[in-house]
Each structure stands twice: as C-alpha cells, then as structure tokens.
C-alpha atoms as a PDB file:
ATOM      1  CA  MET A   1    -100.465  88.910  -5.034  1.00  0.00           C
ATOM      2  CA  SER A   2    -100.506  85.331  -5.541  1.00  0.00           C
ATOM      3  CA  LEU A   3    -102.195  84.532  -9.185  1.00  0.00           C
ATOM      4  CA  PRO A   4    -105.619  82.345  -9.626  1.00  0.00           C
ATOM      5  CA  MET A   5    -104.887  79.088 -10.872  1.00  0.00           C
ATOM      6  CA  GLY A   6    -105.097  77.578 -14.725  1.00  0.00           C
ATOM      7  CA  GLN A   7    -104.653  79.276 -17.601  1.00  0.00           C
ATOM      8  CA  ILE A   8    -105.689  83.388 -17.151  1.00  0.00           C
ATOM      9  CA  HIS A   9    -107.254  85.278 -19.897  1.00  0.00           C
ATOM     10  CA  THR A  10    -107.289  88.720 -19.121  1.00  0.00           C
ATOM     11  CA  LYS A  11    -109.124  91.914 -21.236  1.00  0.00           C
ATOM     12  CA  THR A  12    -109.648  95.506 -20.579  1.00  0.00           C
ATOM     13  CA  THR A  13    -112.931  96.282 -20.938  1.00  0.00           C
ATOM     14  CA  GLY A  14    -113.438 100.369 -20.029  1.00  0.00           C
ATOM     15  CA  VAL A  15    -111.963 100.678 -16.386  1.00  0.00           C
ATOM     16  CA  SER A  16    -113.099  97.244 -15.292  1.00  0.00           C
ATOM     17  CA  LEU A  17    -110.978  93.980 -16.374  1.00  0.00           C
ATOM     18  CA  VAL A  18    -112.416  90.751 -16.730  1.00  0.00           C
ATOM     19  CA  THR A  19    -110.481  87.333 -15.769  1.00  0.00           C
ATOM     20  CA  THR A  20    -111.326  83.772 -16.958  1.00  0.00           C
ATOM     21  CA  ILE A  21    -110.137  80.426 -15.316  1.00  0.00           C
ATOM     22  CA  ASP A  22    -109.690  77.824 -17.625  1.00  0.00           C
ATOM     23  CA  ARG A  23    -111.504  75.296 -15.204  1.00  0.00           C
ATOM     24  CA  PRO A  24    -109.963  71.607 -16.111  1.00  0.00           C
ATOM     25  CA  ARG A  25    -106.262  72.992 -16.131  1.00  0.00           C
ATOM     26  CA  LEU A  26    -107.865  74.290 -12.789  1.00  0.00           C
ATOM     27  CA  LEU A  27    -107.982  70.598 -11.973  1.00  0.00           C
ATOM     28  CA  ARG A  28    -106.106  68.819 -13.149  1.00  0.00           C
ATOM     29  CA  GLN A  29    -102.902  71.162 -11.190  1.00  0.00           C
ATOM     30  CA  LEU A  30    -105.357  70.365  -8.232  1.00  0.00           C
ATOM     31  CA  VAL A  31    -105.468  66.876  -8.749  1.00  0.00           C
ATOM     32  CA  ALA A  32    -101.188  66.784  -9.585  1.00  0.00           C
ATOM     33  CA  ALA A  33    -100.272  68.863  -6.441  1.00  0.00           C
ATOM     34  CA  LYS A  34    -102.702  66.344  -4.067  1.00  0.00           C
ATOM     35  CA  HIS A  35     -99.728  64.599  -2.983  1.00  0.00           C
ATOM     36  CA  THR A  36     -97.039  67.050  -2.434  1.00  0.00           C
ATOM     37  CA  ASP A  37     -95.958  67.152   1.441  1.00  0.00           C
ATOM     38  CA  PHE A  38     -97.305  70.742   1.508  1.00  0.00           C
ATOM     39  CA  VAL A  39    -100.678  71.477   3.523  1.00  0.00           C
ATOM     40  CA  LYS A  40    -102.999  72.658   0.454  1.00  0.00           C
ATOM     41  CA  ILE A  41    -104.912  75.321   0.674  1.00  0.00           C
ATOM     42  CA  ILE A  42    -108.420  75.948  -1.638  1.00  0.00           C
ATOM     43  CA  THR A  43    -110.248  79.790  -1.110  1.00  0.00           C
ATOM     44  CA  GLY A  44    -111.468  81.612  -2.930  1.00  0.00           C
ATOM     45  CA  ILE A  45    -115.096  83.263  -3.362  1.00  0.00           C
ATOM     46  CA  ARG A  46    -117.737  80.672  -4.039  1.00  0.00           C
ATOM     47  CA  ARG A  47    -118.488  81.192  -7.566  1.00  0.00           C
ATOM     48  CA  CYS A  48    -116.632  83.995  -8.692  1.00  0.00           C
ATOM     49  CA  GLY A  49    -113.825  82.784 -10.894  1.00  0.00           C
ATOM     50  CA  LYS A  50    -111.075  82.851  -8.537  1.00  0.00           C
ATOM     51  CA  SER A  51    -109.639  80.146  -6.224  1.00  0.00           C
ATOM     52  CA  PHE A  52    -106.462  79.622  -5.717  1.00  0.00           C
ATOM     53  CA  LEU A  53    -103.982  77.390  -4.201  1.00  0.00           C
ATOM     54  CA  LEU A  54    -101.425  77.941  -1.296  1.00  0.00           C
ATOM     55  CA  TYR A  55     -98.682  75.807  -0.003  1.00  0.00           C
ATOM     56  CA  ILE A  56     -97.797  76.173   3.857  1.00  0.00           C
ATOM     57  CA  GLN A  57     -95.061  75.194   5.517  1.00  0.00           C
ATOM     58  CA  SER A  58     -94.867  75.716   9.562  1.00  0.00           C
ATOM     59  CA  ALA A  59     -92.192  75.658  12.233  1.00  0.00           C
ATOM     60  CA  TRP A  60     -92.054  75.998  15.370  1.00  0.00           C
ATOM     61  CA  MET A  61     -89.055  78.118  15.925  1.00  0.00           C
ATOM     62  CA  ILE A  62     -86.637  78.822  12.990  1.00  0.00           C
ATOM     63  CA  PRO A  63     -83.743  80.294  14.876  1.00  0.00           C
ATOM     64  CA  ASP A  64     -81.023  80.612  11.797  1.00  0.00           C
ATOM     65  CA  GLY A  65     -80.466  80.412   7.571  1.00  0.00           C
ATOM     66  CA  GLU A  66     -79.886  77.065   8.066  1.00  0.00           C
ATOM     67  CA  LYS A  67     -83.226  75.620   8.916  1.00  0.00           C
ATOM     68  CA  MET A  68     -85.754  78.305   7.163  1.00  0.00           C
ATOM     69  CA  ALA A  69     -83.316  77.275   3.934  1.00  0.00           C
ATOM     70  CA  GLN A  70     -84.901  73.494   5.410  1.00  0.00           C
ATOM     71  CA  GLU A  71     -88.478  75.122   5.532  1.00  0.00           C
ATOM     72  CA  THR A  72     -87.882  77.200   2.095  1.00  0.00           C
ATOM     73  CA  PHE A  73     -86.097  74.712  -0.155  1.00  0.00           C
ATOM     74  CA  SER A  74     -89.390  72.282  -1.162  1.00  0.00           C
ATOM     75  CA  LEU A  75     -91.165  75.985  -1.469  1.00  0.00           C
ATOM     76  CA  LYS A  76     -89.421  77.221  -3.987  1.00  0.00           C
ATOM     77  CA  HIS A  77     -88.744  73.785  -6.350  1.00  0.00           C
ATOM     78  CA  THR A  78     -92.274  73.375  -6.989  1.00  0.00           C
ATOM     79  CA  GLY A  79     -91.822  74.511 -10.213  1.00  0.00           C
ATOM     80  CA  ASP A  80     -95.040  76.659 -10.361  1.00  0.00           C
ATOM     81  CA  ASN A  81     -96.553  80.347  -8.866  1.00  0.00           C
ATOM     82  CA  PHE A  82     -98.927  79.666  -6.872  1.00  0.00           C
ATOM     83  CA  LYS A  83     -98.916  81.404  -3.119  1.00  0.00           C
ATOM     84  CA  LYS A  84     -96.281  79.948  -0.693  1.00  0.00           C
ATOM     85  CA  ILE A  85     -95.798  80.858   3.074  1.00  0.00           C
ATOM     86  CA  VAL A  86     -93.813  79.286   5.977  1.00  0.00           C
ATOM     87  CA  ILE A  87     -95.390  80.031   9.880  1.00  0.00           C
ATOM     88  CA  ASP A  88     -92.971  80.607  12.198  1.00  0.00           C
ATOM     89  CA  GLY A  89     -93.736  79.756  15.924  1.00  0.00           C
ATOM     90  CA  GLN A  90     -91.789  82.938  17.485  1.00  0.00           C
ATOM     91  CA  GLN A  91     -91.678  84.911  14.200  1.00  0.00           C
ATOM     92  CA  SER A  92     -93.299  88.132  14.980  1.00  0.00           C
ATOM     93  CA  ALA A  93     -93.120  90.369  11.558  1.00  0.00           C
ATOM     94  CA  ARG A  94     -94.846  89.883   8.580  1.00  0.00           C
ATOM     95  CA  TYR A  95     -92.758  89.816   5.410  1.00  0.00           C
ATOM     96  CA  ARG A  96     -92.543  88.506   1.664  1.00  0.00           C
ATOM     97  CA  ASP A  97     -89.347  87.139   0.649  1.00  0.00           C
ATOM     98  CA  THR A  98     -86.719  88.078  -2.122  1.00  0.00           C
ATOM     99  CA  ASP A  99     -88.416  84.156  -3.440  1.00  0.00           C
ATOM    100  CA  GLY A 100     -91.831  85.875  -3.361  1.00  0.00           C
ATOM    101  CA  ILE A 101     -92.023  83.102   0.180  1.00  0.00           C
ATOM    102  CA  GLY A 102     -94.904  85.198   3.173  1.00  0.00           C
ATOM    103  CA  HIS A 103     -93.392  84.766   6.742  1.00  0.00           C
ATOM    104  CA  ILE A 104     -96.154  84.905   9.062  1.00  0.00           C
ATOM    105  CA  GLY A 105     -96.212  84.312  12.988  1.00  0.00           C
ATOM    106  CA  LEU A 106     -98.237  81.901  14.339  1.00  0.00           C
ATOM    107  CA  ALA A 107    -100.098  84.193  16.755  1.00  0.00           C
ATOM    108  CA  GLU A 108    -101.346  86.609  13.082  1.00  0.00           C
ATOM    109  CA  PHE A 109    -101.911  83.668  11.097  1.00  0.00           C
ATOM    110  CA  LEU A 110    -104.095  81.544  13.843  1.00  0.00           C
ATOM    111  CA  LEU A 111    -106.141  85.579  15.130  1.00  0.00           C
ATOM    112  CA  ASP A 112    -106.313  86.795  11.380  1.00  0.00           C
ATOM    113  CA  PRO A 113    -108.350  85.223   8.638  1.00  0.00           C
ATOM    114  CA  GLU A 114    -107.127  87.574   6.316  1.00  0.00           C
ATOM    115  CA  SER A 115    -103.325  87.765   6.692  1.00  0.00           C
ATOM    116  CA  VAL A 116    -103.293  84.400   4.449  1.00  0.00           C
ATOM    117  CA  VAL A 117    -104.584  86.888   1.775  1.00  0.00           C
ATOM    118  CA  THR A 118    -103.186  89.893   1.780  1.00  0.00           C
ATOM    119  CA  LEU A 119     -99.682  88.729   3.096  1.00  0.00           C
END
C-alpha cells in the first residue's frame, strides 16, 4: 500500500484513524517531481485529502534480469516512498518485488481500473 504524499499526521479517535496531509508540502513534492522521466499519475478521491503520486515505468517485454534491473534502477533511486509500478507487455502475473516495486501485465493494467490501486 502506498502512503499519501506530504507530511502525515495520524491520530486514533476511538475506532477510526484520522489522517491529515500538509498540502503545501504536497505541492512542493509534485513540483519537484515534474521534470523526472516517469509517467506521474495523481489519483485519489476529490476533496478527501488522499492523493497519491505513482511512478510508472513501462516495457513491452522484460526477458531477463538484466532488462529488469534496467527498468527498475531509476525507480529504486527516486528517494521517496511513493508507489512505483512496472508495466510489462508480456507479463501475466502481478506481484510486488523485494524493493516494494509493483509489477503488472499490460492487459490487467488496461482492463482493471483498480489494479494500480490494489497492487
């Protein structure tokens, strides 16, 4: 599960968990990430305070470990904890690797709108 961007303040109130996000910090993070080579997607429910930034790297085929290392290198060095996903045109199974990077096939990514959120 990806963490919302910005400074997070969490407190427990009875049985619910209340989380607020520092919006000015969120904006600074978005502006700082705008010139990176990744596709960046900001998603969430409007006006609920839960926005996410996703880094997406795509490749038509990742046949071996060398190509996988090439595709994930920049994701491993972003310096943040935002959700990172590799879309592989030939992959069928979805999983999360030991570095926390999600891997998903192109067909599932295109056909299931919730696939990125639940990965």
